[in-house]
C-alpha atoms as a PDB file:
ATOM      1  CA  MET A   1     -10.233  20.416 -32.185  1.00  0.00           C
ATOM      2  CA  ARG A   2     -12.281  23.575 -31.694  1.00  0.00           C
ATOM      3  CA  ALA A   3     -15.454  21.783 -32.754  1.00  0.00           C
ATOM      4  CA  VAL A   4     -14.806  19.203 -30.035  1.00  0.00           C
ATOM      5  CA  PHE A   5     -13.718  21.602 -27.318  1.00  0.00           C
ATOM      6  CA  TRP A   6     -16.740  23.899 -27.142  1.00  0.00           C
ATOM      7  CA  PRO A   7     -19.360  21.139 -26.685  1.00  0.00           C
ATOM      8  CA  LEU A   8     -17.028  19.503 -24.163  1.00  0.00           C
ATOM      9  CA  ALA A   9     -16.626  22.766 -22.244  1.00  0.00           C
ATOM     10  CA  ALA A  10     -20.388  23.325 -22.239  1.00  0.00           C
ATOM     11  CA  ALA A  11     -20.957  19.767 -20.994  1.00  0.00           C
ATOM     12  CA  VAL A  12     -18.408  20.165 -18.176  1.00  0.00           C
ATOM     13  CA  VAL A  13     -19.971  23.439 -17.025  1.00  0.00           C
ATOM     14  CA  GLY A  14     -23.495  22.044 -17.305  1.00  0.00           C
ATOM     15  CA  ILE A  15     -22.681  18.926 -15.295  1.00  0.00           C
ATOM     16  CA  ALA A  16     -20.823  20.935 -12.657  1.00  0.00           C
ATOM     17  CA  LEU A  17     -23.801  23.241 -12.144  1.00  0.00           C
ATOM     18  CA  PHE A  18     -26.781  20.984 -12.774  1.00  0.00           C
ATOM     19  CA  GLY A  19     -25.394  17.464 -12.463  1.00  0.00           C
ATOM     20  CA  GLY A  20     -27.363  16.870  -9.285  1.00  0.00           C
ATOM     21  CA  ALA A  21     -30.486  16.457 -11.416  1.00  0.00           C
ATOM     22  CA  LEU A  22     -28.829  13.456 -13.090  1.00  0.00           C
ATOM     23  CA  ALA A  23     -27.836  11.726  -9.844  1.00  0.00           C
ATOM     24  CA  PRO A  24     -29.217   8.155  -9.764  1.00  0.00           C
ATOM     25  CA  HIS A  25     -29.444   8.180  -5.939  1.00  0.00           C
ATOM     26  CA  ASP A  26     -29.908  10.675  -3.153  1.00  0.00           C
ATOM     27  CA  PRO A  27     -26.330  11.966  -2.663  1.00  0.00           C
ATOM     28  CA  THR A  28     -26.852  12.294   1.097  1.00  0.00           C
ATOM     29  CA  SER A  29     -28.322   8.822   1.766  1.00  0.00           C
ATOM     30  CA  SER A  30     -26.482   5.529   2.309  1.00  0.00           C
ATOM     31  CA  ILE A  31     -27.200   2.736  -0.149  1.00  0.00           C
ATOM     32  CA  ALA A  32     -24.580   0.153   0.924  1.00  0.00           C
ATOM     33  CA  GLY A  33     -21.639  -0.394   3.240  1.00  0.00           C
ATOM     34  CA  PRO A  34     -18.721   2.044   3.408  1.00  0.00           C
ATOM     35  CA  TRP A  35     -16.360   2.027   0.420  1.00  0.00           C
ATOM     36  CA  ALA A  36     -18.214  -0.736  -1.410  1.00  0.00           C
ATOM     37  CA  ALA A  37     -16.699  -1.666  -4.764  1.00  0.00           C
ATOM     38  CA  PRO A  38     -18.332  -0.440  -8.007  1.00  0.00           C
ATOM     39  CA  GLY A  39     -21.310  -2.470  -9.151  1.00  0.00           C
ATOM     40  CA  ALA A  40     -24.448  -2.312 -11.247  1.00  0.00           C
ATOM     41  CA  ALA A  41     -26.329  -0.181  -8.710  1.00  0.00           C
ATOM     42  CA  SER A  42     -23.360   2.059  -8.025  1.00  0.00           C
ATOM     43  CA  PRO A  43     -20.920   2.408 -10.975  1.00  0.00           C
ATOM     44  CA  LEU A  44     -18.306   4.202  -8.843  1.00  0.00           C
ATOM     45  CA  GLY A  45     -19.001   2.364  -5.589  1.00  0.00           C
ATOM     46  CA  THR A  46     -19.747   4.060  -2.290  1.00  0.00           C
ATOM     47  CA  ASP A  47     -17.940   6.471  -0.005  1.00  0.00           C
ATOM     48  CA  SER A  48     -17.043   6.507   3.685  1.00  0.00           C
ATOM     49  CA  ALA A  49     -20.713   6.587   4.705  1.00  0.00           C
ATOM     50  CA  GLY A  50     -22.019   4.158   2.071  1.00  0.00           C
ATOM     51  CA  ARG A  51     -23.349   6.905  -0.184  1.00  0.00           C
ATOM     52  CA  ASP A  52     -23.259   6.602  -3.972  1.00  0.00           C
ATOM     53  CA  VAL A  53     -20.035   8.192  -5.246  1.00  0.00           C
ATOM     54  CA  LEU A  54     -21.414   8.939  -8.718  1.00  0.00           C
ATOM     55  CA  SER A  55     -24.398  10.792  -7.266  1.00  0.00           C
ATOM     56  CA  ARG A  56     -22.177  12.820  -4.963  1.00  0.00           C
ATOM     57  CA  VAL A  57     -19.774  13.726  -7.778  1.00  0.00           C
ATOM     58  CA  LEU A  58     -22.644  14.848  -9.997  1.00  0.00           C
ATOM     59  CA  ALA A  59     -24.160  16.944  -7.210  1.00  0.00           C
ATOM     60  CA  GLY A  60     -20.897  18.092  -5.633  1.00  0.00           C
ATOM     61  CA  GLY A  61     -19.743  20.651  -8.200  1.00  0.00           C
ATOM     62  CA  ARG A  62     -22.414  23.312  -7.898  1.00  0.00           C
ATOM     63  CA  GLY A  63     -21.168  24.799  -4.622  1.00  0.00           C
ATOM     64  CA  PRO A  64     -17.438  24.977  -5.477  1.00  0.00           C
ATOM     65  CA  VAL A  65     -18.030  26.205  -9.041  1.00  0.00           C
ATOM     66  CA  LEU A  66     -20.483  28.954  -8.052  1.00  0.00           C
ATOM     67  CA  THR A  67     -18.200  30.010  -5.203  1.00  0.00           C
ATOM     68  CA  ALA A  68     -15.190  30.111  -7.525  1.00  0.00           C
ATOM     69  CA  ALA A  69     -17.118  32.041 -10.184  1.00  0.00           C
ATOM     70  CA  LEU A  70     -18.262  34.682  -7.691  1.00  0.00           C
ATOM     71  CA  ALA A  71     -14.774  34.977  -6.218  1.00  0.00           C
ATOM     72  CA  ALA A  72     -13.225  35.324  -9.692  1.00  0.00           C
ATOM     73  CA  LEU A  73     -15.705  38.040 -10.670  1.00  0.00           C
ATOM     74  CA  CYS A  74     -14.962  39.998  -7.486  1.00  0.00           C
ATOM     75  CA  ALA A  75     -11.182  39.689  -7.925  1.00  0.00           C
ATOM     76  CA  THR A  76     -11.221  40.661 -11.605  1.00  0.00           C
ATOM     77  CA  ALA A  77     -13.599  43.579 -11.024  1.00  0.00           C
ATOM     78  CA  ALA A  78     -11.466  44.909  -8.147  1.00  0.00           C
ATOM     79  CA  GLY A  79      -8.251  44.559 -10.137  1.00  0.00           C
ATOM     80  CA  LEU A  80      -9.800  46.117 -13.240  1.00  0.00           C
ATOM     81  CA  TRP A  81     -11.103  49.118 -11.306  1.00  0.00           C
ATOM     82  CA  GLY A  82      -7.790  49.603  -9.488  1.00  0.00           C
ATOM     83  CA  GLY A  83      -5.808  49.286 -12.724  1.00  0.00           C
ATOM     84  CA  LEU A  84      -7.990  51.841 -14.520  1.00  0.00           C
ATOM     85  CA  VAL A  85      -7.646  54.370 -11.694  1.00  0.00           C
ATOM     86  CA  ALA A  86      -3.906  53.840 -11.181  1.00  0.00           C
ATOM     87  CA  GLY A  87      -3.057  53.853 -14.884  1.00  0.00           C
ATOM     88  CA  TRP A  88      -5.216  56.836 -15.787  1.00  0.00           C
ATOM     89  CA  ARG A  89      -4.669  59.109 -12.804  1.00  0.00           C
ATOM     90  CA  GLY A  90      -1.016  58.408 -12.048  1.00  0.00           C
ATOM     91  CA  GLY A  91       0.497  60.373  -9.168  1.00  0.00           C
ATOM     92  CA  TRP A  92      -0.476  59.492  -5.613  1.00  0.00           C
ATOM     93  CA  PRO A  93      -3.434  57.234  -6.579  1.00  0.00           C
ATOM     94  CA  ASP A  94      -1.035  55.156  -8.655  1.00  0.00           C
ATOM     95  CA  ARG A  95       1.541  54.980  -5.872  1.00  0.00           C
ATOM     96  CA  LEU A  96      -1.089  54.081  -3.283  1.00  0.00           C
ATOM     97  CA  LEU A  97      -2.826  51.365  -5.316  1.00  0.00           C
ATOM     98  CA  SER A  98       0.405  49.915  -6.715  1.00  0.00           C
ATOM     99  CA  GLY A  99       1.954  49.838  -3.240  1.00  0.00           C
ATOM    100  CA  LEU A 100      -1.100  48.067  -1.824  1.00  0.00           C
ATOM    101  CA  ALA A 101      -0.950  45.572  -4.698  1.00  0.00           C
ATOM    102  CA  ASP A 102       2.732  44.885  -4.020  1.00  0.00           C
ATOM    103  CA  LEU A 103       1.982  44.360  -0.332  1.00  0.00           C
ATOM    104  CA  LEU A 104      -0.834  41.892  -1.023  1.00  0.00           C
ATOM    105  CA  MET A 105       1.244  39.978  -3.564  1.00  0.00           C
ATOM    106  CA  GLY A 106       3.772  39.279  -0.830  1.00  0.00           C
ATOM    107  CA  VAL A 107       1.161  37.457   1.304  1.00  0.00           C
ATOM    108  CA  PRO A 108       0.389  33.795   0.439  1.00  0.00           C
ATOM    109  CA  PHE A 109      -3.275  33.966  -0.511  1.00  0.00           C
ATOM    110  CA  LEU A 110      -3.904  30.329   0.437  1.00  0.00           C
ATOM    111  CA  LEU A 111      -2.739  31.159   3.948  1.00  0.00           C
ATOM    112  CA  VAL A 112      -5.124  34.118   3.941  1.00  0.00           C
ATOM    113  CA  ALA A 113      -7.941  31.787   2.906  1.00  0.00           C
ATOM    114  CA  MET A 114      -7.185  29.363   5.735  1.00  0.00           C
ATOM    115  CA  VAL A 115      -7.171  32.150   8.319  1.00  0.00           C
ATOM    116  CA  LEU A 116     -10.362  33.720   6.974  1.00  0.00           C
ATOM    117  CA  ALA A 117     -12.132  30.359   6.792  1.00  0.00           C
ATOM    118  CA  VAL A 118     -11.894  30.060  10.565  1.00  0.00           C
ATOM    119  CA  ALA A 119     -13.937  33.231  11.053  1.00  0.00           C
ATOM    120  CA  LEU A 120     -16.018  33.437   7.865  1.00  0.00           C
ATOM    121  CA  PRO A 121     -18.241  31.041   5.922  1.00  0.00           C
ATOM    122  CA  GLY A 122     -16.315  29.056   3.322  1.00  0.00           C
ATOM    123  CA  PRO A 123     -17.576  30.953   0.229  1.00  0.00           C
ATOM    124  CA  ALA A 124     -16.811  34.334   1.818  1.00  0.00           C
ATOM    125  CA  ALA A 125     -13.312  33.180   2.745  1.00  0.00           C
ATOM    126  CA  VAL A 126     -12.660  31.962  -0.805  1.00  0.00           C
ATOM    127  CA  ALA A 127     -13.897  35.247  -2.299  1.00  0.00           C
ATOM    128  CA  ALA A 128     -11.850  37.388   0.090  1.00  0.00           C
ATOM    129  CA  ALA A 129      -8.692  35.353  -0.426  1.00  0.00           C
ATOM    130  CA  THR A 130      -9.092  35.379  -4.218  1.00  0.00           C
ATOM    131  CA  VAL A 131      -9.498  39.154  -4.195  1.00  0.00           C
ATOM    132  CA  CYS A 132      -6.427  39.582  -1.993  1.00  0.00           C
ATOM    133  CA  GLY A 133      -4.322  37.185  -4.059  1.00  0.00           C
ATOM    134  CA  GLY A 134      -5.647  37.819  -7.571  1.00  0.00           C
ATOM    135  CA  ALA A 135      -6.739  41.456  -7.806  1.00  0.00           C
ATOM    136  CA  PRO A 136      -3.178  42.827  -7.369  1.00  0.00           C
ATOM    137  CA  LEU A 137      -1.965  40.883 -10.407  1.00  0.00           C
ATOM    138  CA  THR A 138      -4.875  42.155 -12.498  1.00  0.00           C
ATOM    139  CA  LEU A 139      -4.300  45.686 -11.275  1.00  0.00           C
ATOM    140  CA  ARG A 140      -0.660  45.612 -12.342  1.00  0.00           C
ATOM    141  CA  VAL A 141      -1.395  44.364 -15.862  1.00  0.00           C
ATOM    142  CA  VAL A 142      -4.339  46.703 -16.450  1.00  0.00           C
ATOM    143  CA  ARG A 143      -2.459  49.666 -15.015  1.00  0.00           C
ATOM    144  CA  ASP A 144       0.466  49.211 -17.404  1.00  0.00           C
ATOM    145  CA  THR A 145      -1.909  48.848 -20.362  1.00  0.00           C
ATOM    146  CA  VAL A 146      -3.897  51.948 -19.440  1.00  0.00           C
ATOM    147  CA  ARG A 147      -0.710  53.992 -19.062  1.00  0.00           C
ATOM    148  CA  ARG A 148       0.180  53.110 -22.648  1.00  0.00           C
ATOM    149  CA  LEU A 149      -3.322  53.927 -23.883  1.00  0.00           C
ATOM    150  CA  ARG A 150      -3.655  57.220 -22.039  1.00  0.00           C
ATOM    151  CA  HIS A 151      -1.877  59.189 -24.768  1.00  0.00           C
ATOM    152  CA  SER A 152      -2.872  57.059 -27.759  1.00  0.00           C
ATOM    153  CA  GLY A 153      -4.447  58.607 -30.827  1.00  0.00           C
ATOM    154  CA  PHE A 154      -8.032  57.463 -30.254  1.00  0.00           C
ATOM    155  CA  VAL A 155      -7.956  58.680 -26.646  1.00  0.00           C
ATOM    156  CA  GLU A 156      -6.617  62.078 -27.720  1.00  0.00           C
ATOM    157  CA  ALA A 157      -9.342  62.231 -30.370  1.00  0.00           C
ATOM    158  CA  ALA A 158     -11.960  61.600 -27.702  1.00  0.00           C
ATOM    159  CA  ARG A 159     -10.496  64.394 -25.602  1.00  0.00           C
ATOM    160  CA  GLY A 160     -10.631  66.647 -28.631  1.00  0.00           C
ATOM    161  CA  ARG A 161     -14.339  65.930 -28.994  1.00  0.00           C
ATOM    162  CA  GLY A 162     -14.819  67.181 -25.451  1.00  0.00           C
ATOM    163  CA  GLU A 163     -15.703  63.810 -23.892  1.00  0.00           C
ATOM    164  CA  ARG A 164     -15.486  63.552 -20.125  1.00  0.00           C
ATOM    165  CA  THR A 165     -12.996  61.272 -18.404  1.00  0.00           C
ATOM    166  CA  GLY A 166     -15.651  58.732 -17.398  1.00  0.00           C
ATOM    167  CA  ALA A 167     -16.925  58.470 -20.961  1.00  0.00           C
ATOM    168  CA  ILE A 168     -13.391  58.038 -22.329  1.00  0.00           C
ATOM    169  CA  LEU A 169     -12.651  55.259 -19.860  1.00  0.00           C
ATOM    170  CA  VAL A 170     -15.906  53.423 -20.597  1.00  0.00           C
ATOM    171  CA  ARG A 171     -16.052  53.904 -24.373  1.00  0.00           C
ATOM    172  CA  GLU A 172     -12.395  53.959 -25.384  1.00  0.00           C
ATOM    173  CA  VAL A 173     -10.136  52.433 -22.723  1.00  0.00           C
ATOM    174  CA  LEU A 174     -12.312  49.715 -21.199  1.00  0.00           C
ATOM    175  CA  PRO A 175     -12.898  47.847 -24.501  1.00  0.00           C
ATOM    176  CA  SER A 176      -9.128  47.780 -25.014  1.00  0.00           C
ATOM    177  CA  VAL A 177      -8.560  45.963 -21.724  1.00  0.00           C
ATOM    178  CA  ALA A 178     -11.607  43.694 -22.000  1.00  0.00           C
ATOM    179  CA  GLY A 179      -9.488  40.858 -23.399  1.00  0.00           C
ATOM    180  CA  ILE A 180      -7.137  41.116 -20.434  1.00  0.00           C
ATOM    181  CA  ALA A 181     -10.080  40.998 -18.059  1.00  0.00           C
ATOM    182  CA  GLY A 182     -11.541  37.944 -19.814  1.00  0.00           C
ATOM    183  CA  ALA A 183      -8.292  36.004 -19.666  1.00  0.00           C
ATOM    184  CA  ASP A 184      -7.758  37.063 -16.069  1.00  0.00           C
ATOM    185  CA  LEU A 185     -11.245  35.922 -15.085  1.00  0.00           C
ATOM    186  CA  GLY A 186     -10.459  32.358 -16.136  1.00  0.00           C
ATOM    187  CA  LEU A 187      -7.207  32.299 -14.185  1.00  0.00           C
ATOM    188  CA  ARG A 188      -8.869  33.708 -11.083  1.00  0.00           C
ATOM    189  CA  PHE A 189     -11.573  31.049 -11.389  1.00  0.00           C
ATOM    190  CA  VAL A 190      -8.961  28.274 -11.409  1.00  0.00           C
ATOM    191  CA  ALA A 191      -7.240  29.722  -8.336  1.00  0.00           C
ATOM    192  CA  ALA A 192     -10.565  30.161  -6.520  1.00  0.00           C
ATOM    193  CA  LEU A 193     -11.671  26.609  -7.362  1.00  0.00           C
ATOM    194  CA  GLN A 194      -8.410  25.246  -5.965  1.00  0.00           C
ATOM    195  CA  THR A 195      -8.861  27.355  -2.843  1.00  0.00           C
ATOM    196  CA  ALA A 196     -12.434  26.138  -2.376  1.00  0.00           C
ATOM    197  CA  ALA A 197     -11.246  22.530  -2.700  1.00  0.00           C
ATOM    198  CA  ALA A 198      -8.445  23.114  -0.186  1.00  0.00           C
ATOM    199  CA  ILE A 199     -10.858  24.626   2.328  1.00  0.00           C
ATOM    200  CA  GLY A 200     -13.202  21.695   1.819  1.00  0.00           C
ATOM    201  CA  MET A 201     -10.374  19.208   2.374  1.00  0.00           C
ATOM    202  CA  LEU A 202      -9.556  20.899   5.662  1.00  0.00           C
ATOM    203  CA  GLY A 203     -13.166  20.645   6.794  1.00  0.00           C
ATOM    204  CA  LEU A 204     -13.684  24.422   6.802  1.00  0.00           C
ATOM    205  CA  GLY A 205     -16.117  24.542   3.892  1.00  0.00           C
ATOM    206  CA  ALA A 206     -19.239  22.479   3.243  1.00  0.00           C
ATOM    207  CA  GLN A 207     -20.129  20.124   6.075  1.00  0.00           C
ATOM    208  CA  PRO A 208     -21.375  16.512   5.880  1.00  0.00           C
ATOM    209  CA  PRO A 209     -23.576  15.177   4.478  1.00  0.00           C
ATOM    210  CA  ALA A 210     -23.578  17.915   1.814  1.00  0.00           C
ATOM    211  CA  PRO A 211     -22.067  16.780  -1.511  1.00  0.00           C
ATOM    212  CA  ASP A 212     -18.944  18.799  -2.258  1.00  0.00           C
ATOM    213  CA  TRP A 213     -15.870  17.810  -4.275  1.00  0.00           C
ATOM    214  CA  GLY A 214     -13.391  19.163  -1.726  1.00  0.00           C
ATOM    215  CA  LEU A 215     -15.215  17.539   1.178  1.00  0.00           C
ATOM    216  CA  MET A 216     -15.289  14.233  -0.721  1.00  0.00           C
ATOM    217  CA  LEU A 217     -11.492  14.263  -0.912  1.00  0.00           C
ATOM    218  CA  ARG A 218     -11.298  14.668   2.848  1.00  0.00           C
ATOM    219  CA  GLU A 219     -13.899  12.010   3.594  1.00  0.00           C
ATOM    220  CA  ASN A 220     -12.506   9.319   1.308  1.00  0.00           C
ATOM    221  CA  LEU A 221      -8.766   9.668   1.713  1.00  0.00           C
ATOM    222  CA  ALA A 222      -8.670   6.898   4.320  1.00  0.00           C
ATOM    223  CA  GLY A 223     -10.579   4.466   2.097  1.00  0.00           C
ATOM    224  CA  ALA A 224      -8.793   5.106  -1.193  1.00  0.00           C
ATOM    225  CA  ALA A 225      -7.329   1.600  -1.188  1.00  0.00           C
ATOM    226  CA  LEU A 226     -10.753   0.009  -0.628  1.00  0.00           C
ATOM    227  CA  ASN A 227     -12.603   1.960  -3.325  1.00  0.00           C
ATOM    228  CA  PRO A 228     -10.251   4.167  -5.375  1.00  0.00           C
ATOM    229  CA  PRO A 229     -13.060   5.881  -7.368  1.00  0.00           C
ATOM    230  CA  SER A 230     -14.342   7.473  -4.163  1.00  0.00           C
ATOM    231  CA  LEU A 231     -11.186   9.617  -4.154  1.00  0.00           C
ATOM    232  CA  VAL A 232     -10.242   9.668  -7.840  1.00  0.00           C
ATOM    233  CA  ALA A 233     -13.676  10.768  -9.113  1.00  0.00           C
ATOM    234  CA  PRO A 234     -13.921  14.103  -7.224  1.00  0.00           C
ATOM    235  CA  ALA A 235     -10.252  14.804  -7.916  1.00  0.00           C
ATOM    236  CA  ALA A 236     -10.830  14.199 -11.630  1.00  0.00           C
ATOM    237  CA  ALA A 237     -13.922  16.432 -11.599  1.00  0.00           C
ATOM    238  CA  LEU A 238     -11.929  19.278 -10.054  1.00  0.00           C
ATOM    239  CA  THR A 239      -9.072  18.775 -12.517  1.00  0.00           C
ATOM    240  CA  VAL A 240     -11.254  18.700 -15.626  1.00  0.00           C
ATOM    241  CA  THR A 241     -13.233  21.774 -14.551  1.00  0.00           C
ATOM    242  CA  ALA A 242     -10.062  23.732 -13.815  1.00  0.00           C
ATOM    243  CA  LEU A 243      -8.502  22.600 -17.110  1.00  0.00           C
ATOM    244  CA  VAL A 244     -11.498  23.786 -19.117  1.00  0.00           C
ATOM    245  CA  ALA A 245     -11.373  27.184 -17.387  1.00  0.00           C
ATOM    246  CA  ALA A 246      -7.628  27.465 -18.028  1.00  0.00           C
ATOM    247  CA  VAL A 247      -8.052  26.674 -21.730  1.00  0.00           C
ATOM    248  CA  LEU A 248     -10.834  29.249 -22.016  1.00  0.00           C
ATOM    249  CA  ALA A 249      -8.536  31.822 -20.413  1.00  0.00           C
ATOM    250  CA  ARG A 250      -5.771  30.873 -22.843  1.00  0.00           C
ATOM    251  CA  ARG A 251      -8.106  31.302 -25.797  1.00  0.00           C
ATOM    252  CA  ALA A 252      -9.203  34.722 -24.528  1.00  0.00           C
ATOM    253  CA  ALA A 253      -5.564  35.797 -24.293  1.00  0.00           C
ATOM    254  CA  ASP A 254      -4.765  34.422 -27.764  1.00  0.00           C
ATOM    255  CA  GLU A 255      -7.719  36.174 -29.360  1.00  0.00           C
ATOM    256  CA  ARG A 256      -6.728  39.441 -27.694  1.00  0.00           C
ATOM    257  CA  SER A 257      -3.250  39.214 -29.194  1.00  0.00           C
ATOM    258  CA  GLY A 258      -4.537  38.115 -32.600  1.00  0.00           C
ATOM    259  CA  ARG A 259      -3.255  34.564 -32.286  1.00  0.00           C
ATOM    260  CA  GLY A 260      -6.548  32.807 -31.662  1.00  0.00           C
ATOM    261  CA  ALA A 261      -6.125  30.534 -34.681  1.00  0.00           C
ATOM    262  CA  VAL A 262      -2.760  29.329 -33.518  1.00  0.00           C
ATOM    263  CA  GLY A 263      -3.879  28.129 -30.094  1.00  0.00           C
ATOM    264  CA  ALA A 264      -3.710  24.507 -29.100  1.00  0.00           C
ATOM    265  CA  TRP A 265      -7.424  24.094 -29.631  1.00  0.00           C
END
């Protein structure tokens, strides 16, 4: 299954980012009546404004995927930094960062995204909400790992060689938590992609006629009975992309724990 999964994952990512180049029609122009049934000229039919659904699905992933990737990177980087500081320093930095993480974990991050989306552009709201909702979880995991590593043999050996704290963290500790960060990045991406889709469905993200998977769900909900692919296609694109990211995160976690060969793929 591995031999099948990696080409499939690469194809999903490639289509999500560059699928607009494969669109048979202009994704912003009408080619028929609203919610026309699939046909030779339009394999998935048309949407609420008579635009080709296939073209909009192919072109509609770039914005949400890039937004989710940036948000995931920000959340993982913030959580990784906070976990390194809290786990290594201990004392008041640990109490401060851990307390802030506990406070943020008590706030529904989707609610934060909705509030921020009113005042900020959609991508900024997704990034901020993902950091608020995801970084605390990363911080907690990394912090506990660093606390265990702080007095390990290879760290003590580095101290004995006279290495500075920054060098020890970069050369000795950071590689040991890299697997955690990789697995976390995939999970944060899934959460950010879902948040971007939710903001799009509420009309707070991309605006018509821009192709966007979340916006397509909002636009075509009323006509799902007339042309089901107009709603099913963007939903399926979001699901497949999130599933691929989740499996990649699972594989990163399995490889970190030495169980990569036992994974489902």
